[in-house]
Amino acid sequence: MDTMLDDAGPTPERLHKAGQFFTVAGRARSSRKVTMLDDALGKAWLRQIISAQEYSALRRYALHWVAGGLQGPLGSVDLNRIYAFDPSSMTGLARSEAQLDHKRTYYAAKQAIGFNPSFVADQVACFGRGLQETGMSMGFRSPYRARERAAEYLSSAGAGLSKFFETLRG
């Protein structure tokens, strides 16, 4: 079996689509690392809406969400089995102790930061929705006001999560 190593990095089209929202570390082709930051959370950090510490805490929050199995299944759709009950799938239950630990950490962090900040953190960090769209879903009609309030809640969530994860460590 011949497997080819893909170490070429992103294509020029992908870099063009990302615009200014990526970072490159390393000079040599073998040690170069390109980090794409064109998701809503990465853009908020690069636009200095949130600090690097808040960005890190929000990424960690999203990691616990994913590792806890809360993002939903990624399987294909079988239209013949949409309403079929499958007891072996254990829907909603943790499949391992590690997954249970991630779920518990995610829900504890969510409770620690409060309702509105956790709603915005979920929408932006976990689901990848933009600040304006998130603010509009909170009831703000003005696009400017929606972005501003969502940005405030996102920053508040990042600060609260940073404190929460600091207490877990110490």
N, C-alpha and C. Protein backbone atom coordinates (compact mmCIF):
# COMPACT_ATOMS: atom_id res chain seq x y z
N MET A 1 0.85 -1.18 0.00
CA MET A 1 0.00 0.00 0.00
C MET A 1 0.89 1.24 0.00
N ASP A 2 0.74 2.04 -0.99
CA ASP A 2 1.56 3.24 -1.14
C ASP A 2 0.75 4.45 -0.69
N THR A 3 1.16 5.04 0.43
CA THR A 3 0.48 6.24 0.91
C THR A 3 1.37 7.44 0.67
N MET A 4 0.80 8.46 0.11
CA MET A 4 1.55 9.68 -0.16
C MET A 4 1.37 10.65 1.01
N LEU A 5 2.45 11.24 1.42
CA LEU A 5 2.42 12.22 2.49
C LEU A 5 2.07 13.58 1.91
N ASP A 6 1.02 14.18 2.43
CA ASP A 6 0.59 15.49 1.96
C ASP A 6 1.16 16.55 2.90
N ASP A 7 2.35 17.04 2.58
CA ASP A 7 2.95 18.08 3.40
C ASP A 7 3.12 19.39 2.63
N ALA A 8 2.39 19.50 1.53
CA ALA A 8 2.50 20.70 0.69
C ALA A 8 1.82 21.90 1.32
N GLY A 9 0.87 21.67 2.21
CA GLY A 9 0.16 22.77 2.83
C GLY A 9 -1.07 23.17 2.03
N PRO A 10 -1.69 24.26 2.40
CA PRO A 10 -2.90 24.69 1.71
C PRO A 10 -2.59 25.18 0.29
N THR A 11 -3.57 25.02 -0.58
CA THR A 11 -3.41 25.47 -1.95
C THR A 11 -3.48 26.99 -2.02
N PRO A 12 -2.99 27.58 -3.10
CA PRO A 12 -3.10 29.04 -3.23
C PRO A 12 -4.56 29.53 -3.19
N GLU A 13 -5.47 28.72 -3.72
CA GLU A 13 -6.89 29.09 -3.68
C GLU A 13 -7.40 29.14 -2.25
N ARG A 14 -6.98 28.16 -1.43
CA ARG A 14 -7.42 28.13 -0.03
C ARG A 14 -6.85 29.33 0.73
N LEU A 15 -5.60 29.67 0.48
CA LEU A 15 -5.00 30.83 1.14
C LEU A 15 -5.68 32.12 0.70
N HIS A 16 -6.05 32.20 -0.58
CA HIS A 16 -6.74 33.39 -1.08
C HIS A 16 -8.12 33.52 -0.43
N LYS A 17 -8.81 32.39 -0.28
CA LYS A 17 -10.13 32.41 0.35
C LYS A 17 -10.02 32.83 1.82
N ALA A 18 -8.95 32.40 2.51
CA ALA A 18 -8.76 32.76 3.90
C ALA A 18 -8.39 34.23 4.06
N GLY A 19 -7.85 34.84 3.00
CA GLY A 19 -7.47 36.24 3.07
C GLY A 19 -6.32 36.42 4.03
N GLN A 20 -6.49 37.29 5.01
CA GLN A 20 -5.45 37.57 6.00
C GLN A 20 -5.58 36.69 7.24
N PHE A 21 -6.54 35.80 7.27
CA PHE A 21 -6.84 35.04 8.47
C PHE A 21 -6.14 33.69 8.51
N PHE A 22 -4.80 33.72 8.48
CA PHE A 22 -4.00 32.53 8.70
C PHE A 22 -2.63 32.95 9.18
N THR A 23 -1.93 32.04 9.83
CA THR A 23 -0.57 32.30 10.28
C THR A 23 0.34 31.20 9.75
N VAL A 24 1.60 31.54 9.51
CA VAL A 24 2.60 30.58 9.03
C VAL A 24 3.76 30.60 10.01
N ALA A 25 4.12 29.41 10.50
CA ALA A 25 5.27 29.28 11.40
C ALA A 25 6.27 28.33 10.76
N GLY A 26 7.53 28.70 10.77
CA GLY A 26 8.58 27.87 10.19
C GLY A 26 8.87 28.28 8.76
N ARG A 27 10.15 28.08 8.36
CA ARG A 27 10.55 28.48 7.02
C ARG A 27 10.70 27.29 6.09
N ALA A 28 11.29 26.23 6.59
CA ALA A 28 11.52 25.06 5.74
C ALA A 28 10.21 24.34 5.46
N ARG A 29 10.12 23.73 4.32
CA ARG A 29 8.89 23.04 3.92
C ARG A 29 8.54 21.93 4.90
N SER A 30 9.56 21.25 5.43
CA SER A 30 9.32 20.14 6.34
C SER A 30 8.84 20.60 7.72
N SER A 31 9.18 21.82 8.13
CA SER A 31 8.80 22.29 9.46
C SER A 31 7.75 23.40 9.42
N ARG A 32 7.26 23.74 8.25
CA ARG A 32 6.27 24.81 8.13
C ARG A 32 4.92 24.34 8.67
N LYS A 33 4.29 25.22 9.41
CA LYS A 33 2.96 24.95 9.96
C LYS A 33 2.05 26.12 9.63
N VAL A 34 1.01 25.85 8.89
CA VAL A 34 0.04 26.88 8.52
C VAL A 34 -1.21 26.67 9.36
N THR A 35 -1.61 27.69 10.09
CA THR A 35 -2.80 27.63 10.92
C THR A 35 -3.87 28.52 10.30
N MET A 36 -4.96 27.91 9.88
CA MET A 36 -6.06 28.66 9.28
C MET A 36 -6.93 29.22 10.41
N LEU A 37 -7.15 30.51 10.38
CA LEU A 37 -7.94 31.19 11.40
C LEU A 37 -9.11 31.93 10.77
N ASP A 38 -9.71 31.33 9.75
CA ASP A 38 -10.80 32.02 9.07
C ASP A 38 -12.17 31.60 9.58
N ASP A 39 -12.22 30.93 10.72
CA ASP A 39 -13.50 30.67 11.36
C ASP A 39 -13.87 31.90 12.20
N ALA A 40 -15.05 31.91 12.73
CA ALA A 40 -15.54 33.08 13.47
C ALA A 40 -14.68 33.39 14.70
N LEU A 41 -14.23 32.36 15.41
CA LEU A 41 -13.42 32.58 16.60
C LEU A 41 -12.03 33.11 16.24
N GLY A 42 -11.43 32.55 15.22
CA GLY A 42 -10.12 33.01 14.77
C GLY A 42 -10.16 34.45 14.29
N LYS A 43 -11.22 34.80 13.57
CA LYS A 43 -11.37 36.18 13.10
C LYS A 43 -11.52 37.14 14.27
N ALA A 44 -12.27 36.72 15.29
CA ALA A 44 -12.44 37.58 16.47
C ALA A 44 -11.11 37.83 17.16
N TRP A 45 -10.26 36.83 17.19
CA TRP A 45 -8.94 36.99 17.81
C TRP A 45 -8.04 37.87 16.96
N LEU A 46 -7.98 37.61 15.65
CA LEU A 46 -7.11 38.41 14.79
C LEU A 46 -7.57 39.86 14.68
N ARG A 47 -8.86 40.11 14.82
CA ARG A 47 -9.38 41.48 14.79
C ARG A 47 -9.30 42.14 16.16
N GLN A 48 -8.71 41.44 17.12
CA GLN A 48 -8.50 41.92 18.49
C GLN A 48 -9.79 42.24 19.22
N ILE A 49 -10.83 41.47 18.91
CA ILE A 49 -12.08 41.56 19.65
C ILE A 49 -11.94 40.82 20.97
N ILE A 50 -11.19 39.72 20.94
CA ILE A 50 -10.88 38.96 22.14
C ILE A 50 -9.35 38.85 22.25
N SER A 51 -8.87 38.64 23.46
CA SER A 51 -7.42 38.52 23.68
C SER A 51 -6.96 37.10 23.36
N ALA A 52 -5.66 36.92 23.33
CA ALA A 52 -5.10 35.59 23.07
C ALA A 52 -5.48 34.61 24.18
N GLN A 53 -5.52 35.09 25.41
CA GLN A 53 -5.90 34.23 26.54
C GLN A 53 -7.37 33.81 26.43
N GLU A 54 -8.23 34.75 26.04
CA GLU A 54 -9.65 34.43 25.86
C GLU A 54 -9.84 33.47 24.69
N TYR A 55 -9.08 33.69 23.61
CA TYR A 55 -9.14 32.79 22.45
C TYR A 55 -8.75 31.37 22.85
N SER A 56 -7.68 31.25 23.62
CA SER A 56 -7.21 29.94 24.06
C SER A 56 -8.26 29.24 24.93
N ALA A 57 -8.88 29.99 25.84
CA ALA A 57 -9.90 29.41 26.72
C ALA A 57 -11.13 28.98 25.92
N LEU A 58 -11.52 29.79 24.94
CA LEU A 58 -12.67 29.43 24.11
C LEU A 58 -12.38 28.22 23.23
N ARG A 59 -11.14 28.11 22.73
CA ARG A 59 -10.76 26.92 21.96
C ARG A 59 -10.81 25.67 22.84
N ARG A 60 -10.35 25.81 24.08
CA ARG A 60 -10.38 24.68 25.01
C ARG A 60 -11.82 24.28 25.32
N TYR A 61 -12.70 25.25 25.47
CA TYR A 61 -14.13 25.01 25.69
C TYR A 61 -14.70 24.23 24.52
N ALA A 62 -14.37 24.64 23.29
CA ALA A 62 -14.85 23.95 22.10
C ALA A 62 -14.27 22.54 22.01
N LEU A 63 -13.03 22.37 22.44
CA LEU A 63 -12.42 21.05 22.44
C LEU A 63 -13.17 20.10 23.35
N HIS A 64 -13.55 20.57 24.54
CA HIS A 64 -14.33 19.73 25.45
C HIS A 64 -15.69 19.40 24.85
N TRP A 65 -16.28 20.33 24.13
CA TRP A 65 -17.57 20.10 23.46
C TRP A 65 -17.43 18.99 22.42
N VAL A 66 -16.39 19.05 21.61
CA VAL A 66 -16.18 18.04 20.57
C VAL A 66 -15.80 16.70 21.20
N ALA A 67 -14.84 16.71 22.12
CA ALA A 67 -14.37 15.46 22.73
C ALA A 67 -15.44 14.81 23.58
N GLY A 68 -16.41 15.59 24.04
CA GLY A 68 -17.53 15.04 24.80
C GLY A 68 -18.60 14.42 23.91
N GLY A 69 -18.41 14.49 22.60
CA GLY A 69 -19.36 13.88 21.67
C GLY A 69 -20.63 14.68 21.51
N LEU A 70 -20.58 15.98 21.78
CA LEU A 70 -21.79 16.80 21.74
C LEU A 70 -22.05 17.42 20.37
N GLN A 71 -21.14 17.25 19.41
CA GLN A 71 -21.33 17.84 18.10
C GLN A 71 -22.29 17.04 17.23
N GLY A 72 -22.66 15.86 17.65
CA GLY A 72 -23.59 15.05 16.88
C GLY A 72 -22.85 14.08 15.98
N PRO A 73 -23.59 13.14 15.42
CA PRO A 73 -22.95 12.12 14.58
C PRO A 73 -22.55 12.69 13.22
N LEU A 74 -21.50 12.14 12.67
CA LEU A 74 -21.04 12.55 11.35
C LEU A 74 -21.32 11.47 10.30
N GLY A 75 -22.19 10.53 10.62
CA GLY A 75 -22.50 9.44 9.71
C GLY A 75 -23.36 9.88 8.55
N SER A 76 -23.51 9.02 7.59
CA SER A 76 -24.34 9.34 6.44
C SER A 76 -25.81 9.12 6.78
N VAL A 77 -26.66 9.65 5.95
CA VAL A 77 -28.10 9.56 6.17
C VAL A 77 -28.64 8.36 5.41
N ASP A 78 -29.34 7.50 6.11
CA ASP A 78 -30.03 6.38 5.48
C ASP A 78 -31.52 6.67 5.59
N LEU A 79 -32.12 7.08 4.50
CA LEU A 79 -33.52 7.51 4.53
C LEU A 79 -34.48 6.38 4.91
N ASN A 80 -34.06 5.14 4.76
CA ASN A 80 -34.90 4.01 5.14
C ASN A 80 -34.92 3.80 6.65
N ARG A 81 -34.00 4.41 7.38
CA ARG A 81 -33.90 4.17 8.82
C ARG A 81 -34.02 5.46 9.63
N ILE A 82 -34.67 6.47 9.09
CA ILE A 82 -34.78 7.74 9.79
C ILE A 82 -35.48 7.58 11.15
N TYR A 83 -36.59 6.88 11.17
CA TYR A 83 -37.35 6.73 12.41
C TYR A 83 -37.09 5.38 13.09
N ALA A 84 -36.09 4.66 12.65
CA ALA A 84 -35.80 3.35 13.24
C ALA A 84 -35.09 3.55 14.59
N PHE A 85 -35.44 2.73 15.53
CA PHE A 85 -34.83 2.78 16.85
C PHE A 85 -33.66 1.81 16.88
N ASP A 86 -32.52 2.28 17.33
CA ASP A 86 -31.33 1.43 17.40
C ASP A 86 -30.77 1.52 18.82
N PRO A 87 -31.10 0.53 19.67
CA PRO A 87 -30.63 0.59 21.06
C PRO A 87 -29.13 0.46 21.21
N SER A 88 -28.45 -0.07 20.20
CA SER A 88 -27.00 -0.25 20.31
C SER A 88 -26.24 1.05 20.10
N SER A 89 -26.88 2.09 19.58
CA SER A 89 -26.18 3.35 19.32
C SER A 89 -25.95 4.16 20.58
N MET A 90 -26.65 3.86 21.67
CA MET A 90 -26.51 4.55 22.97
C MET A 90 -26.56 6.06 22.80
N THR A 91 -27.54 6.56 22.12
CA THR A 91 -27.67 7.98 21.87
C THR A 91 -27.71 8.77 23.16
N GLY A 92 -26.83 9.76 23.27
CA GLY A 92 -26.80 10.63 24.43
C GLY A 92 -25.93 10.14 25.56
N LEU A 93 -25.52 8.90 25.54
CA LEU A 93 -24.67 8.37 26.60
C LEU A 93 -23.21 8.49 26.21
N ALA A 94 -22.36 8.66 27.22
CA ALA A 94 -20.93 8.71 26.95
C ALA A 94 -20.44 7.31 26.60
N ARG A 95 -19.55 7.24 25.61
CA ARG A 95 -19.04 5.94 25.16
C ARG A 95 -17.78 5.52 25.92
N SER A 96 -17.18 6.45 26.66
CA SER A 96 -15.99 6.13 27.44
C SER A 96 -15.92 7.07 28.64
N GLU A 97 -15.04 6.74 29.57
CA GLU A 97 -14.88 7.61 30.74
C GLU A 97 -14.27 8.94 30.34
N ALA A 98 -13.37 8.92 29.37
CA ALA A 98 -12.76 10.17 28.91
C ALA A 98 -13.81 11.10 28.31
N GLN A 99 -14.72 10.53 27.52
CA GLN A 99 -15.79 11.34 26.93
C GLN A 99 -16.69 11.90 28.02
N LEU A 100 -16.96 11.11 29.04
CA LEU A 100 -17.78 11.58 30.16
C LEU A 100 -17.08 12.72 30.89
N ASP A 101 -15.75 12.62 31.07
CA ASP A 101 -15.00 13.70 31.71
C ASP A 101 -15.08 14.99 30.89
N HIS A 102 -14.97 14.87 29.58
CA HIS A 102 -15.07 16.05 28.72
C HIS A 102 -16.47 16.67 28.81
N LYS A 103 -17.50 15.83 28.82
CA LYS A 103 -18.87 16.35 28.95
C LYS A 103 -19.05 17.09 30.27
N ARG A 104 -18.55 16.49 31.35
CA ARG A 104 -18.69 17.13 32.66
C ARG A 104 -17.96 18.46 32.71
N THR A 105 -16.75 18.49 32.14
CA THR A 105 -15.99 19.74 32.13
C THR A 105 -16.71 20.80 31.30
N TYR A 106 -17.23 20.41 30.14
CA TYR A 106 -17.96 21.34 29.28
C TYR A 106 -19.17 21.92 30.01
N TYR A 107 -19.99 21.06 30.62
CA TYR A 107 -21.19 21.55 31.30
C TYR A 107 -20.85 22.38 32.53
N ALA A 108 -19.78 22.03 33.25
CA ALA A 108 -19.36 22.84 34.40
C ALA A 108 -18.88 24.22 33.95
N ALA A 109 -18.13 24.26 32.84
CA ALA A 109 -17.66 25.54 32.30
C ALA A 109 -18.84 26.38 31.83
N LYS A 110 -19.79 25.75 31.18
CA LYS A 110 -20.99 26.44 30.68
C LYS A 110 -21.75 27.07 31.84
N GLN A 111 -21.89 26.34 32.92
CA GLN A 111 -22.61 26.86 34.08
C GLN A 111 -21.81 27.97 34.77
N ALA A 112 -20.49 27.86 34.76
CA ALA A 112 -19.66 28.84 35.45
C ALA A 112 -19.69 30.22 34.80
N ILE A 113 -19.89 30.29 33.49
CA ILE A 113 -19.83 31.60 32.82
C ILE A 113 -21.19 32.26 32.64
N GLY A 114 -22.27 31.55 32.87
CA GLY A 114 -23.59 32.15 32.78
C GLY A 114 -24.27 31.91 31.44
N PHE A 115 -25.54 32.27 31.38
CA PHE A 115 -26.37 31.92 30.23
C PHE A 115 -25.96 32.64 28.94
N ASN A 116 -26.00 33.98 28.95
CA ASN A 116 -25.70 34.72 27.71
C ASN A 116 -24.27 34.50 27.22
N PRO A 117 -23.25 34.59 28.08
CA PRO A 117 -21.90 34.30 27.59
C PRO A 117 -21.74 32.87 27.07
N SER A 118 -22.39 31.91 27.72
CA SER A 118 -22.26 30.53 27.25
C SER A 118 -23.01 30.34 25.93
N PHE A 119 -24.11 31.05 25.74
CA PHE A 119 -24.83 30.96 24.47
C PHE A 119 -23.95 31.47 23.33
N VAL A 120 -23.32 32.62 23.53
CA VAL A 120 -22.45 33.19 22.50
C VAL A 120 -21.21 32.31 22.30
N ALA A 121 -20.64 31.79 23.38
CA ALA A 121 -19.47 30.90 23.26
C ALA A 121 -19.83 29.65 22.45
N ASP A 122 -21.01 29.08 22.71
CA ASP A 122 -21.45 27.91 21.95
C ASP A 122 -21.61 28.25 20.48
N GLN A 123 -22.28 29.37 20.20
CA GLN A 123 -22.55 29.74 18.81
C GLN A 123 -21.27 30.02 18.04
N VAL A 124 -20.35 30.74 18.63
CA VAL A 124 -19.13 31.16 17.91
C VAL A 124 -18.05 30.09 17.95
N ALA A 125 -17.70 29.62 19.15
CA ALA A 125 -16.57 28.68 19.27
C ALA A 125 -16.94 27.27 18.84
N CYS A 126 -18.13 26.82 19.17
CA CYS A 126 -18.51 25.43 18.87
C CYS A 126 -19.18 25.29 17.50
N PHE A 127 -20.14 26.17 17.19
CA PHE A 127 -20.91 26.03 15.96
C PHE A 127 -20.34 26.83 14.80
N GLY A 128 -19.43 27.77 15.07
CA GLY A 128 -18.80 28.55 14.02
C GLY A 128 -19.66 29.65 13.42
N ARG A 129 -20.66 30.12 14.14
CA ARG A 129 -21.49 31.22 13.66
C ARG A 129 -20.78 32.54 13.87
N GLY A 130 -21.06 33.50 13.03
CA GLY A 130 -20.46 34.82 13.14
C GLY A 130 -21.06 35.64 14.26
N LEU A 131 -20.36 36.71 14.64
CA LEU A 131 -20.83 37.56 15.73
C LEU A 131 -22.15 38.25 15.38
N GLN A 132 -22.26 38.75 14.17
CA GLN A 132 -23.49 39.45 13.78
C GLN A 132 -24.68 38.50 13.80
N GLU A 133 -24.50 37.32 13.23
CA GLU A 133 -25.59 36.34 13.19
C GLU A 133 -25.98 35.91 14.60
N THR A 134 -25.00 35.75 15.47
CA THR A 134 -25.28 35.37 16.86
C THR A 134 -26.02 36.49 17.58
N GLY A 135 -25.58 37.72 17.40
CA GLY A 135 -26.26 38.86 18.03
C GLY A 135 -27.68 39.03 17.53
N MET A 136 -27.88 38.80 16.24
CA MET A 136 -29.25 38.90 15.68
C MET A 136 -30.15 37.81 16.28
N SER A 137 -29.59 36.61 16.51
CA SER A 137 -30.41 35.55 17.10
C SER A 137 -30.73 35.83 18.56
N MET A 138 -29.99 36.76 19.18
CA MET A 138 -30.28 37.17 20.55
C MET A 138 -31.33 38.27 20.61
N GLY A 139 -31.76 38.76 19.46
CA GLY A 139 -32.83 39.75 19.43
C GLY A 139 -32.40 41.16 19.07
N PHE A 140 -31.13 41.39 18.82
CA PHE A 140 -30.68 42.72 18.43
C PHE A 140 -30.95 42.92 16.94
N ARG A 141 -31.64 43.98 16.60
CA ARG A 141 -32.05 44.19 15.20
C ARG A 141 -30.99 44.90 14.38
N SER A 142 -30.28 45.79 14.99
CA SER A 142 -29.22 46.52 14.29
C SER A 142 -28.00 45.62 14.11
N PRO A 143 -27.48 45.50 12.89
CA PRO A 143 -26.28 44.66 12.69
C PRO A 143 -25.10 45.12 13.54
N TYR A 144 -24.93 46.44 13.66
CA TYR A 144 -23.84 46.98 14.49
C TYR A 144 -24.02 46.58 15.95
N ARG A 145 -25.21 46.81 16.49
CA ARG A 145 -25.49 46.48 17.90
C ARG A 145 -25.38 44.98 18.12
N ALA A 146 -25.81 44.17 17.17
CA ALA A 146 -25.73 42.71 17.29
C ALA A 146 -24.27 42.27 17.40
N ARG A 147 -23.41 42.81 16.53
CA ARG A 147 -21.98 42.47 16.57
C ARG A 147 -21.35 42.92 17.88
N GLU A 148 -21.66 44.15 18.30
CA GLU A 148 -21.05 44.70 19.50
C GLU A 148 -21.44 43.90 20.74
N ARG A 149 -22.72 43.60 20.91
CA ARG A 149 -23.17 42.86 22.10
C ARG A 149 -22.64 41.43 22.09
N ALA A 150 -22.64 40.79 20.92
CA ALA A 150 -22.10 39.43 20.83
C ALA A 150 -20.60 39.44 21.14
N ALA A 151 -19.89 40.46 20.68
CA ALA A 151 -18.46 40.58 20.97
C ALA A 151 -18.22 40.76 22.47
N GLU A 152 -19.06 41.57 23.12
CA GLU A 152 -18.94 41.76 24.57
C GLU A 152 -19.16 40.45 25.31
N TYR A 153 -20.20 39.72 24.93
CA TYR A 153 -20.48 38.44 25.58
C TYR A 153 -19.39 37.42 25.29
N LEU A 154 -18.83 37.44 24.08
CA LEU A 154 -17.76 36.51 23.74
C LEU A 154 -16.51 36.79 24.57
N SER A 155 -16.18 38.06 24.72
CA SER A 155 -15.03 38.44 25.55
C SER A 155 -15.27 38.07 27.01
N SER A 156 -16.48 38.30 27.48
CA SER A 156 -16.84 37.93 28.85
C SER A 156 -16.75 36.41 29.03
N ALA A 157 -17.21 35.67 28.05
CA ALA A 157 -17.14 34.20 28.12
C ALA A 157 -15.69 33.75 28.14
N GLY A 158 -14.86 34.34 27.31
CA GLY A 158 -13.45 33.98 27.28
C GLY A 158 -12.75 34.25 28.60
N ALA A 159 -13.04 35.40 29.19
CA ALA A 159 -12.44 35.74 30.49
C ALA A 159 -12.93 34.78 31.57
N GLY A 160 -14.22 34.50 31.58
CA GLY A 160 -14.77 33.57 32.57
C GLY A 160 -14.23 32.17 32.41
N LEU A 161 -14.09 31.73 31.16
CA LEU A 161 -13.55 30.40 30.91
C LEU A 161 -12.08 30.33 31.30
N SER A 162 -11.36 31.39 31.08
CA SER A 162 -9.96 31.43 31.46
C SER A 162 -9.82 31.25 32.97
N LYS A 163 -10.66 31.95 33.73
CA LYS A 163 -10.66 31.79 35.19
C LYS A 163 -11.08 30.38 35.59
N PHE A 164 -12.10 29.86 34.92
CA PHE A 164 -12.59 28.51 35.23
C PHE A 164 -11.50 27.46 35.01
N PHE A 165 -10.82 27.52 33.87
CA PHE A 165 -9.78 26.53 33.58
C PHE A 165 -8.57 26.71 34.49
N GLU A 166 -8.34 27.94 34.93
CA GLU A 166 -7.25 28.19 35.87
C GLU A 166 -7.54 27.52 37.23
N THR A 167 -8.81 27.55 37.67
CA THR A 167 -9.15 26.90 38.93
C THR A 167 -9.07 25.38 38.80
N LEU A 168 -9.30 24.84 37.62
CA LEU A 168 -9.18 23.39 37.43
C LEU A 168 -7.72 22.95 37.56
N ARG A 169 -6.82 23.79 37.10
CA ARG A 169 -5.40 23.46 37.11
C ARG A 169 -4.83 23.53 38.53
N GLY A 170 -5.29 24.51 39.30
CA GLY A 170 -4.68 24.74 40.61
C GLY A 170 -5.45 24.20 41.70
